[in-house]
N, C-alpha and C. Protein backbone atom coordinates (compact mmCIF):
# COMPACT_ATOMS: atom_id res chain seq x y z
N MET A 1 -23.49 40.59 32.93
CA MET A 1 -23.23 39.15 33.19
C MET A 1 -23.73 38.83 34.62
N ALA A 2 -24.11 37.72 34.73
CA ALA A 2 -24.65 37.25 36.04
C ALA A 2 -23.97 35.91 36.38
N ILE A 3 -23.85 35.58 37.69
CA ILE A 3 -23.27 34.36 38.12
C ILE A 3 -24.47 33.30 38.04
N LEU A 4 -24.18 32.31 37.19
CA LEU A 4 -25.09 31.21 36.94
C LEU A 4 -24.88 29.95 37.79
N GLY A 5 -23.62 29.90 38.22
CA GLY A 5 -23.20 28.70 38.90
C GLY A 5 -21.97 28.95 39.86
N LEU A 6 -21.91 28.23 40.99
CA LEU A 6 -20.82 28.42 41.88
C LEU A 6 -20.60 27.02 42.48
N GLY A 7 -19.35 26.73 42.48
CA GLY A 7 -18.99 25.47 43.19
C GLY A 7 -17.68 25.60 43.87
N ILE A 8 -17.43 24.84 44.96
CA ILE A 8 -16.22 24.80 45.76
C ILE A 8 -16.01 23.32 46.09
N ASP A 9 -14.69 22.94 46.25
CA ASP A 9 -14.31 21.56 46.76
C ASP A 9 -12.99 21.66 47.35
N VAL A 10 -12.83 20.85 48.34
CA VAL A 10 -11.63 20.67 49.18
C VAL A 10 -11.19 19.21 49.19
N VAL A 11 -9.88 19.03 48.95
CA VAL A 11 -9.37 17.58 48.95
C VAL A 11 -8.21 17.53 49.77
N GLU A 12 -8.28 16.51 50.76
CA GLU A 12 -7.10 16.27 51.54
C GLU A 12 -6.00 15.50 50.66
N ILE A 13 -4.84 16.02 50.50
CA ILE A 13 -3.94 15.57 49.55
C ILE A 13 -3.47 14.16 49.86
N SER A 14 -3.24 13.78 51.10
CA SER A 14 -2.83 12.43 51.49
C SER A 14 -3.88 11.38 51.11
N ARG A 15 -5.18 11.75 51.30
CA ARG A 15 -6.23 10.82 50.92
C ARG A 15 -6.24 10.70 49.40
N PHE A 16 -6.00 11.74 48.71
CA PHE A 16 -6.00 11.75 47.22
C PHE A 16 -4.89 10.78 46.74
N GLU A 17 -3.73 10.95 47.39
CA GLU A 17 -2.58 9.99 47.05
C GLU A 17 -3.05 8.55 47.37
N ASP A 18 -3.65 8.30 48.47
CA ASP A 18 -4.09 6.84 48.78
C ASP A 18 -5.07 6.41 47.63
N ALA A 19 -5.98 7.32 47.14
CA ALA A 19 -6.89 6.95 46.12
C ALA A 19 -6.12 6.53 44.77
N LEU A 20 -5.08 7.34 44.52
CA LEU A 20 -4.22 6.97 43.26
C LEU A 20 -3.64 5.63 43.44
N GLU A 21 -3.06 5.21 44.63
CA GLU A 21 -2.41 3.98 44.79
C GLU A 21 -3.50 2.89 44.77
N ARG A 22 -4.70 3.05 45.35
CA ARG A 22 -5.72 2.01 45.41
C ARG A 22 -6.28 1.77 44.00
N SER A 23 -6.40 2.79 43.26
CA SER A 23 -7.14 2.68 42.00
C SER A 23 -6.18 3.14 40.84
N PRO A 24 -5.32 2.35 40.36
CA PRO A 24 -4.37 2.85 39.32
C PRO A 24 -5.03 3.41 38.03
N GLY A 25 -6.22 2.91 37.77
CA GLY A 25 -6.88 3.57 36.56
C GLY A 25 -7.49 4.91 36.77
N PHE A 26 -7.52 5.23 38.09
CA PHE A 26 -8.09 6.60 38.47
C PHE A 26 -7.41 7.67 37.62
N LEU A 27 -6.10 7.80 37.65
CA LEU A 27 -5.36 8.78 36.94
C LEU A 27 -5.85 8.98 35.48
N GLU A 28 -5.89 7.91 34.69
CA GLU A 28 -6.18 7.89 33.31
C GLU A 28 -7.67 8.24 33.09
N ARG A 29 -8.57 7.71 34.01
CA ARG A 29 -10.03 7.95 33.95
C ARG A 29 -10.31 9.44 34.10
N VAL A 30 -9.71 10.04 34.98
CA VAL A 30 -10.01 11.38 35.47
C VAL A 30 -9.36 12.49 34.77
N PHE A 31 -8.09 12.29 34.54
CA PHE A 31 -7.19 13.47 34.08
C PHE A 31 -6.81 13.19 32.59
N THR A 32 -6.69 14.22 31.82
CA THR A 32 -6.32 14.24 30.55
C THR A 32 -4.71 13.94 30.39
N PRO A 33 -4.22 13.60 29.21
CA PRO A 33 -2.77 13.46 29.29
C PRO A 33 -1.96 14.77 29.50
N ALA A 34 -2.54 15.91 29.29
CA ALA A 34 -1.88 17.17 29.53
C ALA A 34 -1.80 17.40 31.12
N GLU A 35 -2.72 16.77 31.82
CA GLU A 35 -2.83 17.00 33.30
C GLU A 35 -1.92 15.98 34.08
N ARG A 36 -1.82 14.81 33.52
CA ARG A 36 -1.19 13.69 34.31
C ARG A 36 0.29 13.80 34.68
N HIS A 37 1.07 14.78 34.16
CA HIS A 37 2.36 14.87 34.49
C HIS A 37 2.52 15.75 35.87
N LEU A 38 1.55 16.35 36.36
CA LEU A 38 1.59 17.12 37.48
C LEU A 38 1.84 16.41 38.74
N GLY A 39 2.49 17.04 39.78
CA GLY A 39 2.64 16.42 41.09
C GLY A 39 1.32 16.17 41.76
N HIS A 40 1.40 15.39 42.86
CA HIS A 40 0.20 14.99 43.46
C HIS A 40 -0.58 16.22 44.10
N ALA A 41 0.06 17.26 44.63
CA ALA A 41 -0.63 18.40 45.18
C ALA A 41 -1.37 19.10 44.10
N SER A 42 -0.71 19.34 42.93
CA SER A 42 -1.46 19.96 41.80
C SER A 42 -2.55 19.15 41.23
N LEU A 43 -2.32 17.82 41.16
CA LEU A 43 -3.36 16.93 40.64
C LEU A 43 -4.58 16.93 41.64
N ALA A 44 -4.30 17.06 42.93
CA ALA A 44 -5.44 17.11 43.80
C ALA A 44 -6.22 18.44 43.68
N ALA A 45 -5.56 19.51 43.36
CA ALA A 45 -6.23 20.78 43.15
C ALA A 45 -6.97 20.66 41.86
N ASN A 46 -6.49 20.08 40.77
CA ASN A 46 -7.12 19.86 39.60
C ASN A 46 -8.46 19.08 39.81
N TRP A 47 -8.32 18.04 40.60
CA TRP A 47 -9.45 17.10 40.92
C TRP A 47 -10.54 17.93 41.63
N ALA A 48 -10.10 18.88 42.59
CA ALA A 48 -10.98 19.76 43.39
C ALA A 48 -11.63 20.70 42.32
N ALA A 49 -10.91 21.13 41.30
CA ALA A 49 -11.56 22.07 40.38
C ALA A 49 -12.62 21.31 39.51
N LYS A 50 -12.40 20.12 39.09
CA LYS A 50 -13.39 19.27 38.37
C LYS A 50 -14.61 19.05 39.20
N GLU A 51 -14.43 18.73 40.53
CA GLU A 51 -15.55 18.53 41.30
C GLU A 51 -16.35 19.84 41.57
N ALA A 52 -15.61 21.03 41.75
CA ALA A 52 -16.22 22.27 41.93
C ALA A 52 -16.96 22.68 40.69
N LEU A 53 -16.41 22.46 39.48
CA LEU A 53 -17.24 22.67 38.34
C LEU A 53 -18.40 21.82 38.25
N ALA A 54 -18.31 20.53 38.54
CA ALA A 54 -19.48 19.72 38.49
C ALA A 54 -20.62 20.37 39.39
N LYS A 55 -20.26 20.89 40.55
CA LYS A 55 -21.19 21.51 41.57
C LYS A 55 -21.73 22.70 40.93
N ALA A 56 -20.81 23.54 40.25
CA ALA A 56 -21.36 24.82 39.53
C ALA A 56 -22.38 24.57 38.56
N LEU A 57 -22.21 23.25 37.92
CA LEU A 57 -23.10 22.84 36.85
C LEU A 57 -24.35 22.21 37.40
N GLY A 58 -24.49 22.05 38.71
CA GLY A 58 -25.72 21.36 39.26
C GLY A 58 -25.41 19.86 39.49
N ALA A 59 -24.29 19.46 39.25
CA ALA A 59 -23.91 18.02 39.46
C ALA A 59 -24.79 17.04 38.65
N PRO A 60 -25.04 17.24 37.39
CA PRO A 60 -25.89 16.38 36.57
C PRO A 60 -25.27 15.07 36.37
N ALA A 61 -26.01 13.99 36.12
CA ALA A 61 -25.42 12.76 35.76
C ALA A 61 -24.87 12.76 34.35
N GLY A 62 -23.84 11.96 34.15
CA GLY A 62 -23.51 11.72 32.71
C GLY A 62 -22.29 12.68 32.33
N LEU A 63 -21.76 13.52 33.18
CA LEU A 63 -20.63 14.22 32.72
C LEU A 63 -19.29 13.44 32.79
N SER A 64 -18.57 13.64 31.81
CA SER A 64 -17.25 12.83 31.76
C SER A 64 -16.09 13.79 32.22
N TRP A 65 -15.41 13.19 33.18
CA TRP A 65 -14.15 13.91 33.80
C TRP A 65 -13.23 14.31 32.72
N GLN A 66 -13.13 13.52 31.64
CA GLN A 66 -12.13 13.87 30.58
C GLN A 66 -12.59 15.04 29.78
N ASP A 67 -13.85 15.51 29.93
CA ASP A 67 -14.37 16.62 29.17
C ASP A 67 -14.09 18.01 29.85
N CYS A 68 -13.34 17.89 31.02
CA CYS A 68 -12.93 19.15 31.60
C CYS A 68 -11.40 19.06 31.95
N GLU A 69 -10.69 19.88 31.37
CA GLU A 69 -9.11 19.89 31.54
C GLU A 69 -8.88 21.25 32.22
N VAL A 70 -7.91 21.12 33.26
CA VAL A 70 -7.43 22.27 34.02
C VAL A 70 -6.05 22.57 33.44
N LEU A 71 -5.81 23.68 32.88
CA LEU A 71 -4.64 24.00 32.13
C LEU A 71 -4.18 25.30 32.84
N ARG A 72 -2.94 25.73 32.54
CA ARG A 72 -2.34 26.97 32.95
C ARG A 72 -2.31 27.89 31.72
N GLY A 73 -2.84 29.15 31.96
CA GLY A 73 -2.84 30.18 31.00
C GLY A 73 -1.60 30.93 31.03
N PRO A 74 -1.59 32.02 30.30
CA PRO A 74 -0.53 32.97 30.33
C PRO A 74 -0.18 33.39 31.80
N GLY A 75 1.01 33.43 32.13
CA GLY A 75 1.34 33.80 33.50
C GLY A 75 1.14 32.67 34.57
N GLY A 76 0.71 31.58 34.18
CA GLY A 76 0.45 30.39 35.06
C GLY A 76 -0.90 30.33 35.67
N ALA A 77 -1.80 31.28 35.44
CA ALA A 77 -3.10 31.18 36.03
C ALA A 77 -3.99 29.94 35.53
N PRO A 78 -4.70 29.29 36.31
CA PRO A 78 -5.47 28.10 35.88
C PRO A 78 -6.56 28.62 35.04
N VAL A 79 -6.90 27.81 34.09
CA VAL A 79 -8.07 27.97 33.20
C VAL A 79 -8.71 26.59 32.99
N LEU A 80 -10.06 26.66 32.74
CA LEU A 80 -10.92 25.50 32.50
C LEU A 80 -11.01 25.42 30.97
N GLU A 81 -10.71 24.21 30.40
CA GLU A 81 -11.11 23.97 28.96
C GLU A 81 -12.08 22.88 29.01
N VAL A 82 -13.24 23.15 28.40
CA VAL A 82 -14.45 22.25 28.47
C VAL A 82 -14.70 21.65 27.03
N SER A 83 -15.23 20.41 26.99
CA SER A 83 -15.66 19.83 25.73
C SER A 83 -16.76 18.87 25.97
N GLY A 84 -17.32 18.35 24.95
CA GLY A 84 -18.21 17.23 25.11
C GLY A 84 -19.35 17.36 26.09
N THR A 85 -19.55 16.54 27.00
CA THR A 85 -20.64 16.51 27.94
C THR A 85 -20.58 17.77 28.80
N VAL A 86 -19.45 18.23 29.20
CA VAL A 86 -19.37 19.36 30.15
C VAL A 86 -19.70 20.69 29.33
N ALA A 87 -19.02 20.79 28.07
CA ALA A 87 -19.46 21.95 27.26
C ALA A 87 -21.02 22.03 26.95
N GLU A 88 -21.61 20.90 26.72
CA GLU A 88 -23.02 20.87 26.44
C GLU A 88 -23.80 21.34 27.66
N ARG A 89 -23.49 21.01 28.91
CA ARG A 89 -24.05 21.41 30.17
C ARG A 89 -23.85 22.96 30.36
N VAL A 90 -22.62 23.37 30.01
CA VAL A 90 -22.33 24.81 30.25
C VAL A 90 -23.17 25.67 29.31
N ALA A 91 -23.33 25.18 28.05
CA ALA A 91 -24.07 25.88 27.12
C ALA A 91 -25.65 25.86 27.49
N ALA A 92 -26.01 24.70 27.91
CA ALA A 92 -27.45 24.55 28.33
C ALA A 92 -27.81 25.54 29.53
N LEU A 93 -26.85 25.81 30.26
CA LEU A 93 -27.12 26.69 31.36
C LEU A 93 -26.89 28.22 31.08
N GLY A 94 -26.49 28.39 29.80
CA GLY A 94 -26.24 29.80 29.32
C GLY A 94 -24.97 30.39 29.88
N MET A 95 -24.05 29.68 30.32
CA MET A 95 -22.77 30.18 30.84
C MET A 95 -21.86 30.48 29.61
N THR A 96 -21.26 31.68 29.67
CA THR A 96 -20.40 32.11 28.70
C THR A 96 -19.02 32.22 29.15
N SER A 97 -18.60 32.13 30.31
CA SER A 97 -17.32 32.17 30.89
C SER A 97 -17.25 31.33 32.14
N LEU A 98 -16.14 30.74 32.38
CA LEU A 98 -15.85 30.03 33.57
C LEU A 98 -14.62 30.52 34.19
N HIS A 99 -14.63 30.73 35.53
CA HIS A 99 -13.51 31.19 36.38
C HIS A 99 -13.14 30.16 37.36
N VAL A 100 -11.86 29.89 37.53
CA VAL A 100 -11.34 28.99 38.57
C VAL A 100 -10.22 29.50 39.30
N SER A 101 -10.20 29.19 40.58
CA SER A 101 -9.14 29.54 41.46
C SER A 101 -8.75 28.31 42.23
N LEU A 102 -7.38 28.01 42.33
CA LEU A 102 -6.91 26.81 42.92
C LEU A 102 -5.94 27.17 44.06
N SER A 103 -5.82 26.33 45.00
CA SER A 103 -4.89 26.47 46.18
C SER A 103 -4.55 25.17 46.71
N HIS A 104 -3.32 25.03 47.09
CA HIS A 104 -2.87 23.83 47.94
C HIS A 104 -1.82 24.30 48.93
N ASP A 105 -2.18 23.99 50.21
CA ASP A 105 -1.26 24.24 51.34
C ASP A 105 -1.61 23.47 52.56
N ALA A 106 -0.69 23.16 53.44
CA ALA A 106 -1.00 22.48 54.71
C ALA A 106 -1.74 21.21 54.45
N GLY A 107 -1.45 20.43 53.31
CA GLY A 107 -1.98 19.10 53.13
C GLY A 107 -3.35 19.15 52.53
N ILE A 108 -3.85 20.35 52.17
CA ILE A 108 -5.22 20.57 51.61
C ILE A 108 -5.13 21.14 50.23
N ALA A 109 -5.88 20.71 49.22
CA ALA A 109 -6.11 21.31 47.93
C ALA A 109 -7.50 21.75 47.81
N SER A 110 -7.70 22.97 47.23
CA SER A 110 -9.06 23.54 47.14
C SER A 110 -9.25 24.21 45.72
N ALA A 111 -10.44 24.30 45.52
CA ALA A 111 -10.77 25.00 44.14
C ALA A 111 -12.22 25.70 44.31
N VAL A 112 -12.33 26.79 43.66
CA VAL A 112 -13.57 27.44 43.48
C VAL A 112 -13.73 27.75 42.02
N VAL A 113 -15.09 27.46 41.58
CA VAL A 113 -15.44 27.65 40.10
C VAL A 113 -16.64 28.53 40.11
N ILE A 114 -16.61 29.57 39.20
CA ILE A 114 -17.66 30.52 39.01
C ILE A 114 -18.08 30.32 37.55
N GLY A 115 -19.43 30.20 37.27
CA GLY A 115 -19.87 30.18 35.81
C GLY A 115 -20.80 31.39 35.68
N GLU A 116 -20.30 32.21 34.62
CA GLU A 116 -21.01 33.51 34.37
C GLU A 116 -21.73 33.34 33.03
N GLY A 117 -22.88 34.03 32.86
CA GLY A 117 -23.62 34.10 31.63
C GLY A 117 -24.48 35.37 31.57
C-alpha cells in the first residue's frame, strides 16, 4: 500500500459557531442526519475532516459534502463513510482505504486524512 493522498485542516470552533448562526442552512447542507446531533466542537472536527478529505482528493470541483459522513466506529474511533461523488473520486485515484484522525482542544478543531491504495 502507498499513500495516495494526504489532507489536513484546522477550524477555530468559535468561528465555526458563528458560521452556523449566520447560515442556518449550513448544517443541513454539509452534515448528514447522523452527524447533526453532535455538539459544536465535534461538528467543527467533522467539518475539518471533510475539508481534509477534499484536500487528500486533490480538491476537485463537484464533490458533495453529503457524500462524506464522519461516523464513530467500534470503540469510538472516527471513520469516513463515502458515497456518490466522493466515492467516485476515491475510486478514480485508486484509494482502497481512508484513515482519519480528529482532535479538538483549546478552541481549535483539527483533522488529518490519509488515503491509501
